[in-house]
Amino acid sequence: MAGRMEKIKPSPTLAVNAKAKALKASGADVLNFSVGEPDFGTPEHVCAAGKAAIEEGFTKYTAVPGMPELREAVCLRFAKDKGWQYEADQIQVSCGGKHGLYNMAQALFGPGDEVIIPTPYWVSYPPIIELAGAKLVFLPLSEKNDFDIEESTLSACVSPNTKGIILNSPPIQPAPSFRPRP
């Protein structure tokens, strides 16, 4: 194994997932939010579209940044939903958020660079930055101000070595009313 692998600790997400599965297997009523997988199967129309694509021979590699039609659709959706204007060549499609962040970190960060991560954060962010060889700088946020980034706190984290900041999106919204399962 490469020496950099010694920096990576076991996944807390997988540990919580294993615990939730064990509890569920023992009969506990568990809502498992650990790994981001729904507790229902893939919708039939999605399965049908996947099967149709295979039957039509749509089984080859696509463009690295994503299919042009998909990237254009993303631009249209951003414009419709958010009023944001982008060109398709500004869009990068990946097989997931963590994969996209990993690729970005490998391309942009290296030894001596610093990357700011507001807290709380997704548990994958630190190892992604560490594997790039960069240093983590945690930006503490607080519930008392709705986890907004304050300019003074952010300024205290910035240095001449700062090369990036990872922002969670969408921003935290007021919690919807919780409705327990029947």
N, C-alpha and C. Protein backbone atom coordinates (compact mmCIF):
# COMPACT_ATOMS: atom_id res chain seq x y z
N MET A 1 0.83 -1.19 0.00
CA MET A 1 0.00 0.00 0.00
C MET A 1 0.88 1.25 0.00
N ALA A 2 0.38 2.27 -0.64
CA ALA A 2 1.07 3.55 -0.64
C ALA A 2 1.04 4.14 0.77
N GLY A 3 2.10 4.84 1.15
CA GLY A 3 2.19 5.42 2.49
C GLY A 3 1.05 6.35 2.82
N ARG A 4 0.51 7.03 1.81
CA ARG A 4 -0.59 7.98 2.08
C ARG A 4 -1.82 7.28 2.65
N MET A 5 -1.94 5.98 2.40
CA MET A 5 -3.10 5.24 2.89
C MET A 5 -3.11 5.14 4.42
N GLU A 6 -1.94 5.29 5.04
CA GLU A 6 -1.87 5.24 6.50
C GLU A 6 -2.58 6.44 7.14
N LYS A 7 -2.77 7.50 6.36
CA LYS A 7 -3.45 8.70 6.88
C LYS A 7 -4.97 8.50 6.98
N ILE A 8 -5.48 7.53 6.24
CA ILE A 8 -6.92 7.36 6.14
C ILE A 8 -7.42 6.46 7.27
N LYS A 9 -8.40 6.98 7.98
CA LYS A 9 -8.99 6.25 9.10
C LYS A 9 -10.24 5.49 8.61
N PRO A 10 -10.68 4.49 9.35
CA PRO A 10 -11.90 3.78 8.95
C PRO A 10 -13.08 4.74 8.82
N SER A 11 -13.95 4.44 7.89
CA SER A 11 -15.09 5.30 7.59
C SER A 11 -16.11 5.30 8.73
N PRO A 12 -16.37 6.48 9.32
CA PRO A 12 -17.43 6.53 10.34
C PRO A 12 -18.80 6.26 9.72
N THR A 13 -18.97 6.60 8.45
CA THR A 13 -20.24 6.35 7.78
C THR A 13 -20.52 4.85 7.75
N LEU A 14 -19.52 4.08 7.37
CA LEU A 14 -19.72 2.63 7.29
C LEU A 14 -19.92 2.02 8.68
N ALA A 15 -19.28 2.59 9.70
CA ALA A 15 -19.47 2.09 11.07
C ALA A 15 -20.90 2.33 11.52
N VAL A 16 -21.43 3.52 11.25
CA VAL A 16 -22.82 3.82 11.64
C VAL A 16 -23.78 2.94 10.84
N ASN A 17 -23.49 2.74 9.55
CA ASN A 17 -24.34 1.89 8.72
C ASN A 17 -24.37 0.46 9.26
N ALA A 18 -23.21 -0.07 9.63
CA ALA A 18 -23.17 -1.43 10.19
C ALA A 18 -23.98 -1.51 11.48
N LYS A 19 -23.88 -0.51 12.32
CA LYS A 19 -24.64 -0.49 13.57
C LYS A 19 -26.14 -0.44 13.29
N ALA A 20 -26.55 0.41 12.34
CA ALA A 20 -27.97 0.51 11.99
C ALA A 20 -28.49 -0.82 11.45
N LYS A 21 -27.70 -1.47 10.60
CA LYS A 21 -28.13 -2.76 10.05
C LYS A 21 -28.24 -3.82 11.15
N ALA A 22 -27.30 -3.80 12.09
CA ALA A 22 -27.34 -4.76 13.20
C ALA A 22 -28.58 -4.51 14.06
N LEU A 23 -28.88 -3.26 14.33
CA LEU A 23 -30.07 -2.94 15.12
C LEU A 23 -31.34 -3.40 14.40
N LYS A 24 -31.39 -3.13 13.09
CA LYS A 24 -32.56 -3.52 12.31
C LYS A 24 -32.70 -5.05 12.30
N ALA A 25 -31.57 -5.77 12.16
CA ALA A 25 -31.60 -7.23 12.17
C ALA A 25 -32.07 -7.77 13.51
N SER A 26 -31.85 -7.01 14.59
CA SER A 26 -32.29 -7.46 15.91
C SER A 26 -33.75 -7.10 16.17
N GLY A 27 -34.40 -6.46 15.18
CA GLY A 27 -35.82 -6.14 15.32
C GLY A 27 -36.13 -4.70 15.65
N ALA A 28 -35.11 -3.86 15.80
CA ALA A 28 -35.35 -2.45 16.12
C ALA A 28 -35.90 -1.73 14.89
N ASP A 29 -36.77 -0.74 15.13
CA ASP A 29 -37.31 0.10 14.06
C ASP A 29 -36.30 1.22 13.82
N VAL A 30 -35.55 1.14 12.73
CA VAL A 30 -34.42 2.03 12.50
C VAL A 30 -34.61 2.81 11.19
N LEU A 31 -34.38 4.10 11.25
CA LEU A 31 -34.26 4.92 10.05
C LEU A 31 -32.77 5.14 9.84
N ASN A 32 -32.21 4.54 8.82
CA ASN A 32 -30.77 4.59 8.59
C ASN A 32 -30.43 5.71 7.61
N PHE A 33 -29.89 6.80 8.13
CA PHE A 33 -29.50 7.93 7.31
C PHE A 33 -27.99 7.95 7.06
N SER A 34 -27.29 6.87 7.34
CA SER A 34 -25.83 6.89 7.32
C SER A 34 -25.22 6.98 5.93
N VAL A 35 -25.63 6.15 5.00
CA VAL A 35 -24.94 6.07 3.72
C VAL A 35 -25.69 6.74 2.57
N GLY A 36 -26.83 7.31 2.85
CA GLY A 36 -27.55 8.04 1.80
C GLY A 36 -28.27 7.15 0.81
N GLU A 37 -28.57 5.92 1.20
CA GLU A 37 -29.32 5.03 0.32
C GLU A 37 -30.78 4.99 0.78
N PRO A 38 -31.71 5.08 -0.16
CA PRO A 38 -33.11 5.01 0.23
C PRO A 38 -33.48 3.62 0.72
N ASP A 39 -34.57 3.54 1.45
CA ASP A 39 -35.03 2.24 1.96
C ASP A 39 -36.09 1.64 1.05
N PHE A 40 -36.06 2.02 -0.23
CA PHE A 40 -36.98 1.48 -1.22
C PHE A 40 -36.19 1.16 -2.48
N GLY A 41 -36.76 0.32 -3.32
CA GLY A 41 -36.07 -0.08 -4.55
C GLY A 41 -36.05 1.03 -5.58
N THR A 42 -35.27 0.80 -6.62
CA THR A 42 -35.20 1.75 -7.73
C THR A 42 -36.56 1.79 -8.41
N PRO A 43 -37.09 3.00 -8.68
CA PRO A 43 -38.41 3.10 -9.33
C PRO A 43 -38.42 2.36 -10.67
N GLU A 44 -39.55 1.76 -10.98
CA GLU A 44 -39.67 0.92 -12.17
C GLU A 44 -39.34 1.69 -13.45
N HIS A 45 -39.75 2.96 -13.55
CA HIS A 45 -39.47 3.70 -14.79
C HIS A 45 -37.96 3.92 -14.98
N VAL A 46 -37.22 4.00 -13.89
CA VAL A 46 -35.76 4.14 -13.98
C VAL A 46 -35.16 2.80 -14.43
N CYS A 47 -35.63 1.71 -13.85
CA CYS A 47 -35.17 0.38 -14.28
C CYS A 47 -35.47 0.15 -15.76
N ALA A 48 -36.68 0.53 -16.18
CA ALA A 48 -37.07 0.34 -17.59
C ALA A 48 -36.18 1.16 -18.51
N ALA A 49 -35.87 2.40 -18.13
CA ALA A 49 -35.00 3.25 -18.96
C ALA A 49 -33.60 2.65 -19.05
N GLY A 50 -33.09 2.11 -17.94
CA GLY A 50 -31.77 1.47 -17.95
C GLY A 50 -31.75 0.25 -18.86
N LYS A 51 -32.80 -0.57 -18.78
CA LYS A 51 -32.89 -1.77 -19.62
C LYS A 51 -32.99 -1.37 -21.10
N ALA A 52 -33.79 -0.34 -21.38
CA ALA A 52 -33.94 0.11 -22.77
C ALA A 52 -32.61 0.63 -23.31
N ALA A 53 -31.86 1.35 -22.50
CA ALA A 53 -30.56 1.86 -22.94
C ALA A 53 -29.62 0.71 -23.29
N ILE A 54 -29.61 -0.32 -22.46
CA ILE A 54 -28.76 -1.49 -22.74
C ILE A 54 -29.20 -2.17 -24.03
N GLU A 55 -30.51 -2.37 -24.20
CA GLU A 55 -31.04 -3.01 -25.39
C GLU A 55 -30.76 -2.21 -26.65
N GLU A 56 -30.68 -0.88 -26.52
CA GLU A 56 -30.38 -0.01 -27.67
C GLU A 56 -28.89 0.13 -27.91
N GLY A 57 -28.06 -0.55 -27.12
CA GLY A 57 -26.62 -0.52 -27.32
C GLY A 57 -25.93 0.68 -26.70
N PHE A 58 -26.61 1.39 -25.81
CA PHE A 58 -26.01 2.55 -25.15
C PHE A 58 -25.18 2.05 -23.97
N THR A 59 -24.03 1.45 -24.30
CA THR A 59 -23.21 0.80 -23.29
C THR A 59 -21.74 1.21 -23.38
N LYS A 60 -21.43 2.24 -24.13
CA LYS A 60 -20.04 2.67 -24.32
C LYS A 60 -19.71 3.82 -23.37
N TYR A 61 -18.42 4.09 -23.27
CA TYR A 61 -17.99 5.23 -22.46
C TYR A 61 -18.57 6.52 -23.02
N THR A 62 -18.83 7.45 -22.12
CA THR A 62 -19.27 8.78 -22.53
C THR A 62 -18.10 9.75 -22.37
N ALA A 63 -18.31 10.99 -22.75
CA ALA A 63 -17.28 12.02 -22.60
C ALA A 63 -16.91 12.14 -21.11
N VAL A 64 -15.65 12.38 -20.82
CA VAL A 64 -15.18 12.45 -19.43
C VAL A 64 -15.98 13.47 -18.60
N PRO A 65 -16.25 14.67 -19.10
CA PRO A 65 -17.02 15.62 -18.26
C PRO A 65 -18.52 15.34 -18.24
N GLY A 66 -18.96 14.30 -18.94
CA GLY A 66 -20.38 13.97 -19.01
C GLY A 66 -20.89 14.15 -20.43
N MET A 67 -21.99 13.50 -20.75
CA MET A 67 -22.57 13.62 -22.09
C MET A 67 -22.94 15.08 -22.36
N PRO A 68 -22.65 15.59 -23.54
CA PRO A 68 -22.99 16.98 -23.84
C PRO A 68 -24.47 17.30 -23.60
N GLU A 69 -25.35 16.35 -23.96
CA GLU A 69 -26.79 16.59 -23.77
C GLU A 69 -27.14 16.72 -22.29
N LEU A 70 -26.50 15.91 -21.46
CA LEU A 70 -26.75 15.99 -20.02
C LEU A 70 -26.23 17.30 -19.45
N ARG A 71 -25.04 17.71 -19.87
CA ARG A 71 -24.47 18.96 -19.37
C ARG A 71 -25.32 20.15 -19.79
N GLU A 72 -25.88 20.11 -21.00
CA GLU A 72 -26.77 21.17 -21.46
C GLU A 72 -28.06 21.15 -20.64
N ALA A 73 -28.56 19.95 -20.33
CA ALA A 73 -29.77 19.84 -19.50
C ALA A 73 -29.53 20.41 -18.11
N VAL A 74 -28.34 20.19 -17.56
CA VAL A 74 -28.01 20.76 -16.25
C VAL A 74 -28.05 22.30 -16.33
N CYS A 75 -27.49 22.86 -17.40
CA CYS A 75 -27.52 24.32 -17.58
C CYS A 75 -28.96 24.84 -17.61
N LEU A 76 -29.80 24.15 -18.37
CA LEU A 76 -31.21 24.57 -18.47
C LEU A 76 -31.91 24.48 -17.12
N ARG A 77 -31.62 23.43 -16.36
CA ARG A 77 -32.24 23.25 -15.04
C ARG A 77 -31.79 24.35 -14.08
N PHE A 78 -30.47 24.64 -14.07
CA PHE A 78 -29.96 25.73 -13.23
C PHE A 78 -30.65 27.04 -13.58
N ALA A 79 -30.80 27.32 -14.88
CA ALA A 79 -31.42 28.58 -15.31
C ALA A 79 -32.88 28.64 -14.87
N LYS A 80 -33.60 27.52 -15.05
CA LYS A 80 -35.02 27.48 -14.70
C LYS A 80 -35.23 27.57 -13.19
N ASP A 81 -34.50 26.76 -12.43
CA ASP A 81 -34.74 26.66 -10.99
C ASP A 81 -34.07 27.77 -10.18
N LYS A 82 -32.90 28.21 -10.61
CA LYS A 82 -32.12 29.14 -9.79
C LYS A 82 -31.81 30.47 -10.48
N GLY A 83 -32.04 30.55 -11.77
CA GLY A 83 -31.69 31.77 -12.50
C GLY A 83 -30.19 31.87 -12.79
N TRP A 84 -29.47 30.76 -12.62
CA TRP A 84 -28.02 30.75 -12.85
C TRP A 84 -27.75 30.51 -14.33
N GLN A 85 -26.77 31.21 -14.87
CA GLN A 85 -26.42 31.07 -16.28
C GLN A 85 -25.05 30.42 -16.42
N TYR A 86 -25.02 29.23 -16.99
CA TYR A 86 -23.78 28.51 -17.24
C TYR A 86 -23.79 28.00 -18.67
N GLU A 87 -22.60 27.73 -19.18
CA GLU A 87 -22.42 27.06 -20.47
C GLU A 87 -22.10 25.60 -20.18
N ALA A 88 -22.42 24.73 -21.12
CA ALA A 88 -22.20 23.29 -20.92
C ALA A 88 -20.74 22.97 -20.63
N ASP A 89 -19.80 23.75 -21.19
CA ASP A 89 -18.39 23.46 -20.94
C ASP A 89 -17.94 23.87 -19.54
N GLN A 90 -18.84 24.48 -18.77
CA GLN A 90 -18.57 24.82 -17.37
C GLN A 90 -19.12 23.76 -16.41
N ILE A 91 -19.75 22.75 -16.94
CA ILE A 91 -20.40 21.70 -16.14
C ILE A 91 -19.55 20.44 -16.20
N GLN A 92 -19.36 19.81 -15.06
CA GLN A 92 -18.64 18.53 -14.95
C GLN A 92 -19.57 17.56 -14.25
N VAL A 93 -19.87 16.45 -14.90
CA VAL A 93 -20.73 15.42 -14.32
C VAL A 93 -19.84 14.31 -13.79
N SER A 94 -20.12 13.85 -12.58
CA SER A 94 -19.34 12.75 -12.00
C SER A 94 -20.30 11.68 -11.51
N CYS A 95 -19.74 10.57 -11.06
CA CYS A 95 -20.60 9.48 -10.59
C CYS A 95 -21.05 9.70 -9.15
N GLY A 96 -20.77 10.85 -8.59
CA GLY A 96 -21.22 11.19 -7.25
C GLY A 96 -20.45 12.40 -6.73
N GLY A 97 -20.99 13.02 -5.70
CA GLY A 97 -20.36 14.21 -5.13
C GLY A 97 -18.97 13.94 -4.59
N LYS A 98 -18.80 12.84 -3.86
CA LYS A 98 -17.48 12.55 -3.28
C LYS A 98 -16.46 12.29 -4.38
N HIS A 99 -16.86 11.58 -5.42
CA HIS A 99 -15.95 11.31 -6.53
C HIS A 99 -15.55 12.62 -7.21
N GLY A 100 -16.50 13.50 -7.43
CA GLY A 100 -16.19 14.79 -8.04
C GLY A 100 -15.26 15.62 -7.18
N LEU A 101 -15.52 15.65 -5.87
CA LEU A 101 -14.64 16.40 -4.96
C LEU A 101 -13.24 15.80 -4.92
N TYR A 102 -13.15 14.47 -4.93
CA TYR A 102 -11.85 13.82 -4.93
C TYR A 102 -11.05 14.21 -6.18
N ASN A 103 -11.69 14.12 -7.35
CA ASN A 103 -11.01 14.49 -8.59
C ASN A 103 -10.56 15.95 -8.55
N MET A 104 -11.44 16.82 -8.06
CA MET A 104 -11.13 18.24 -7.98
C MET A 104 -9.94 18.47 -7.05
N ALA A 105 -9.94 17.81 -5.90
CA ALA A 105 -8.86 17.99 -4.94
C ALA A 105 -7.53 17.50 -5.52
N GLN A 106 -7.57 16.37 -6.21
CA GLN A 106 -6.34 15.85 -6.81
C GLN A 106 -5.80 16.80 -7.88
N ALA A 107 -6.68 17.48 -8.58
CA ALA A 107 -6.26 18.40 -9.65
C ALA A 107 -5.79 19.75 -9.11
N LEU A 108 -6.35 20.20 -7.99
CA LEU A 108 -6.10 21.58 -7.54
C LEU A 108 -5.20 21.73 -6.33
N PHE A 109 -5.13 20.73 -5.46
CA PHE A 109 -4.43 20.89 -4.18
C PHE A 109 -3.23 19.97 -4.07
N GLY A 110 -2.24 20.44 -3.31
CA GLY A 110 -1.06 19.65 -3.07
C GLY A 110 -0.39 20.05 -1.77
N PRO A 111 0.79 19.48 -1.51
CA PRO A 111 1.51 19.81 -0.27
C PRO A 111 1.72 21.31 -0.12
N GLY A 112 1.48 21.79 1.09
CA GLY A 112 1.62 23.21 1.39
C GLY A 112 0.35 24.02 1.19
N ASP A 113 -0.61 23.46 0.46
CA ASP A 113 -1.89 24.15 0.25
C ASP A 113 -2.79 23.94 1.45
N GLU A 114 -3.67 24.89 1.69
CA GLU A 114 -4.66 24.78 2.75
C GLU A 114 -6.06 24.84 2.15
N VAL A 115 -6.95 24.03 2.70
CA VAL A 115 -8.34 23.99 2.25
C VAL A 115 -9.23 24.18 3.47
N ILE A 116 -10.11 25.16 3.39
CA ILE A 116 -11.02 25.47 4.50
C ILE A 116 -12.27 24.60 4.38
N ILE A 117 -12.63 23.98 5.50
CA ILE A 117 -13.84 23.15 5.57
C ILE A 117 -14.69 23.65 6.72
N PRO A 118 -15.85 24.27 6.42
CA PRO A 118 -16.75 24.68 7.50
C PRO A 118 -17.27 23.46 8.26
N THR A 119 -17.41 23.62 9.58
CA THR A 119 -17.94 22.55 10.42
C THR A 119 -19.36 22.92 10.86
N PRO A 120 -20.28 21.97 10.87
CA PRO A 120 -20.10 20.55 10.60
C PRO A 120 -19.89 20.31 9.11
N TYR A 121 -19.34 19.13 8.79
CA TYR A 121 -19.00 18.79 7.41
C TYR A 121 -19.28 17.30 7.20
N TRP A 122 -19.31 16.91 5.94
CA TRP A 122 -19.46 15.50 5.62
C TRP A 122 -18.15 14.80 5.92
N VAL A 123 -18.21 13.62 6.50
CA VAL A 123 -17.02 12.94 7.01
C VAL A 123 -15.99 12.60 5.94
N SER A 124 -16.37 12.62 4.68
CA SER A 124 -15.42 12.28 3.60
C SER A 124 -14.50 13.44 3.23
N TYR A 125 -14.86 14.66 3.58
CA TYR A 125 -14.05 15.81 3.15
C TYR A 125 -12.62 15.74 3.67
N PRO A 126 -12.37 15.50 4.96
CA PRO A 126 -10.97 15.49 5.42
C PRO A 126 -10.09 14.47 4.69
N PRO A 127 -10.50 13.20 4.54
CA PRO A 127 -9.59 12.29 3.83
C PRO A 127 -9.37 12.68 2.37
N ILE A 128 -10.38 13.26 1.73
CA ILE A 128 -10.21 13.70 0.34
C ILE A 128 -9.10 14.74 0.26
N ILE A 129 -9.12 15.70 1.18
CA ILE A 129 -8.11 16.76 1.19
C ILE A 129 -6.76 16.20 1.61
N GLU A 130 -6.75 15.32 2.61
CA GLU A 130 -5.49 14.73 3.08
C GLU A 130 -4.83 13.90 1.98
N LEU A 131 -5.61 13.15 1.20
CA LEU A 131 -5.03 12.36 0.12
C LEU A 131 -4.41 13.24 -0.96
N ALA A 132 -4.89 14.47 -1.09
CA ALA A 132 -4.28 15.41 -2.04
C ALA A 132 -2.99 16.00 -1.48
N GLY A 133 -2.72 15.75 -0.20
CA GLY A 133 -1.52 16.26 0.43
C GLY A 133 -1.68 17.63 1.04
N ALA A 134 -2.89 18.17 1.01
CA ALA A 134 -3.14 19.51 1.53
C ALA A 134 -3.49 19.47 3.01
N LYS A 135 -3.47 20.63 3.64
CA LYS A 135 -3.77 20.76 5.06
C LYS A 135 -5.21 21.22 5.23
N LEU A 136 -5.88 20.62 6.20
CA LEU A 136 -7.26 21.00 6.54
C LEU A 136 -7.26 22.20 7.47
N VAL A 137 -8.16 23.13 7.22
CA VAL A 137 -8.38 24.25 8.13
C VAL A 137 -9.88 24.26 8.40
N PHE A 138 -10.25 24.00 9.64
CA PHE A 138 -11.67 23.93 9.98
C PHE A 138 -12.21 25.30 10.34
N LEU A 139 -13.35 25.64 9.75
CA LEU A 139 -14.04 26.91 9.99
C LEU A 139 -15.26 26.60 10.85
N PRO A 140 -15.21 26.94 12.15
CA PRO A 140 -16.33 26.59 13.03
C PRO A 140 -17.57 27.43 12.74
N LEU A 141 -18.69 26.73 12.57
CA LEU A 141 -19.99 27.38 12.40
C LEU A 141 -20.84 27.05 13.61
N SER A 142 -21.92 27.83 13.79
CA SER A 142 -22.74 27.65 14.98
C SER A 142 -24.22 27.67 14.64
N GLU A 143 -24.95 26.84 15.36
CA GLU A 143 -26.41 26.80 15.19
C GLU A 143 -27.03 28.13 15.60
N LYS A 144 -26.40 28.84 16.55
CA LYS A 144 -27.00 30.09 17.04
C LYS A 144 -27.13 31.15 15.94
N ASN A 145 -26.35 31.03 14.85
CA ASN A 145 -26.54 31.97 13.74
C ASN A 145 -26.87 31.20 12.45
N ASP A 146 -27.60 30.09 12.61
CA ASP A 146 -28.07 29.27 11.49
C ASP A 146 -26.94 28.74 10.62
N PHE A 147 -25.77 28.51 11.22
CA PHE A 147 -24.61 27.96 10.53
C PHE A 147 -24.14 28.83 9.37
N ASP A 148 -24.42 30.12 9.45
CA ASP A 148 -23.93 31.05 8.44
C ASP A 148 -22.44 31.29 8.65
N ILE A 149 -21.73 31.53 7.58
CA ILE A 149 -20.30 31.85 7.67
C ILE A 149 -20.17 33.34 7.96
N GLU A 150 -19.48 33.64 9.05
CA GLU A 150 -19.25 35.03 9.42
C GLU A 150 -17.92 35.48 8.82
N GLU A 151 -17.92 36.68 8.28
CA GLU A 151 -16.72 37.19 7.60
C GLU A 151 -15.50 37.17 8.51
N SER A 152 -15.66 37.56 9.77
CA SER A 152 -14.51 37.61 10.67
C SER A 152 -13.94 36.21 10.94
N THR A 153 -14.82 35.23 11.08
CA THR A 153 -14.36 33.85 11.33
C THR A 153 -13.67 33.29 10.09
N LEU A 154 -14.24 33.55 8.94
CA LEU A 154 -13.63 33.10 7.69
C LEU A 154 -12.27 33.77 7.49
N SER A 155 -12.20 35.07 7.71
CA SER A 155 -10.94 35.80 7.53
C SER A 155 -9.84 35.24 8.41
N ALA A 156 -10.20 34.79 9.60
CA ALA A 156 -9.20 34.23 10.52
C ALA A 156 -8.63 32.91 10.01
N CYS A 157 -9.37 32.23 9.13
CA CYS A 157 -8.92 30.94 8.60
C CYS A 157 -8.07 31.09 7.33
N VAL A 158 -8.18 32.22 6.67
CA VAL A 158 -7.49 32.41 5.39
C VAL A 158 -6.03 32.77 5.62
N SER A 159 -5.17 32.16 4.82
CA SER A 159 -3.74 32.46 4.86
C SER A 159 -3.23 32.55 3.43
N PRO A 160 -1.97 32.93 3.25
CA PRO A 160 -1.42 32.93 1.88
C PRO A 160 -1.43 31.54 1.22
N ASN A 161 -1.55 30.49 2.04
CA ASN A 161 -1.56 29.12 1.51
C ASN A 161 -2.96 28.60 1.20
N THR A 162 -3.99 29.40 1.48
CA THR A 162 -5.37 28.96 1.23
C THR A 162 -5.59 28.83 -0.27
N LYS A 163 -6.01 27.64 -0.68
CA LYS A 163 -6.28 27.38 -2.10
C LYS A 163 -7.73 27.06 -2.37
N GLY A 164 -8.53 26.82 -1.32
CA GLY A 164 -9.92 26.48 -1.57
C GLY A 164 -10.73 26.43 -0.29
N ILE A 165 -12.04 26.41 -0.51
CA ILE A 165 -13.00 26.21 0.58
C ILE A 165 -14.09 25.29 0.05
N ILE A 166 -14.46 24.32 0.84
CA ILE A 166 -15.54 23.41 0.45
C ILE A 166 -16.81 23.91 1.12
N LEU A 167 -17.81 24.22 0.31
CA LEU A 167 -19.09 24.67 0.83
C LEU A 167 -20.14 23.59 0.61
N ASN A 168 -20.91 23.30 1.65
CA ASN A 168 -22.03 22.39 1.51
C ASN A 168 -23.15 23.12 0.79
N SER A 169 -23.84 22.42 -0.07
CA SER A 169 -24.96 23.00 -0.77
C SER A 169 -26.02 21.91 -0.90
N PRO A 170 -27.27 22.18 -0.74
CA PRO A 170 -27.81 23.50 -0.48
C PRO A 170 -27.53 23.95 0.94
N PRO A 171 -27.62 25.26 1.16
CA PRO A 171 -27.41 25.74 2.52
C PRO A 171 -28.47 25.19 3.46
N ILE A 172 -28.15 25.16 4.71
CA ILE A 172 -29.08 24.64 5.71
C ILE A 172 -30.34 25.50 5.71
N GLN A 173 -31.46 24.85 5.69
CA GLN A 173 -32.76 25.53 5.73
C GLN A 173 -33.42 25.22 7.06
N PRO A 174 -34.42 26.02 7.44
CA PRO A 174 -35.14 25.65 8.66
C PRO A 174 -35.69 24.23 8.53
N ALA A 175 -35.57 23.49 9.60
CA ALA A 175 -35.99 22.08 9.57
C ALA A 175 -37.48 21.97 9.31
N PRO A 176 -37.89 21.08 8.38
CA PRO A 176 -39.31 20.86 8.17
C PRO A 176 -39.88 20.16 9.40
N SER A 177 -41.17 20.23 9.53
CA SER A 177 -41.82 19.53 10.64
C SER A 177 -41.54 18.05 10.53
N PHE A 178 -41.12 17.45 11.60
CA PHE A 178 -40.83 16.02 11.59
C PHE A 178 -42.13 15.26 11.78
N ARG A 179 -42.33 14.29 10.90
CA ARG A 179 -43.52 13.43 11.02
C ARG A 179 -43.04 12.01 11.21
N PRO A 180 -43.25 11.43 12.39
CA PRO A 180 -42.81 10.06 12.61
C PRO A 180 -43.57 9.09 11.70
N ARG A 181 -42.91 7.98 11.42
CA ARG A 181 -43.56 6.95 10.60
C ARG A 181 -44.75 6.39 11.36
N PRO A 182 -45.79 6.00 10.59
CA PRO A 182 -46.97 5.39 11.26
C PRO A 182 -46.64 4.04 11.85
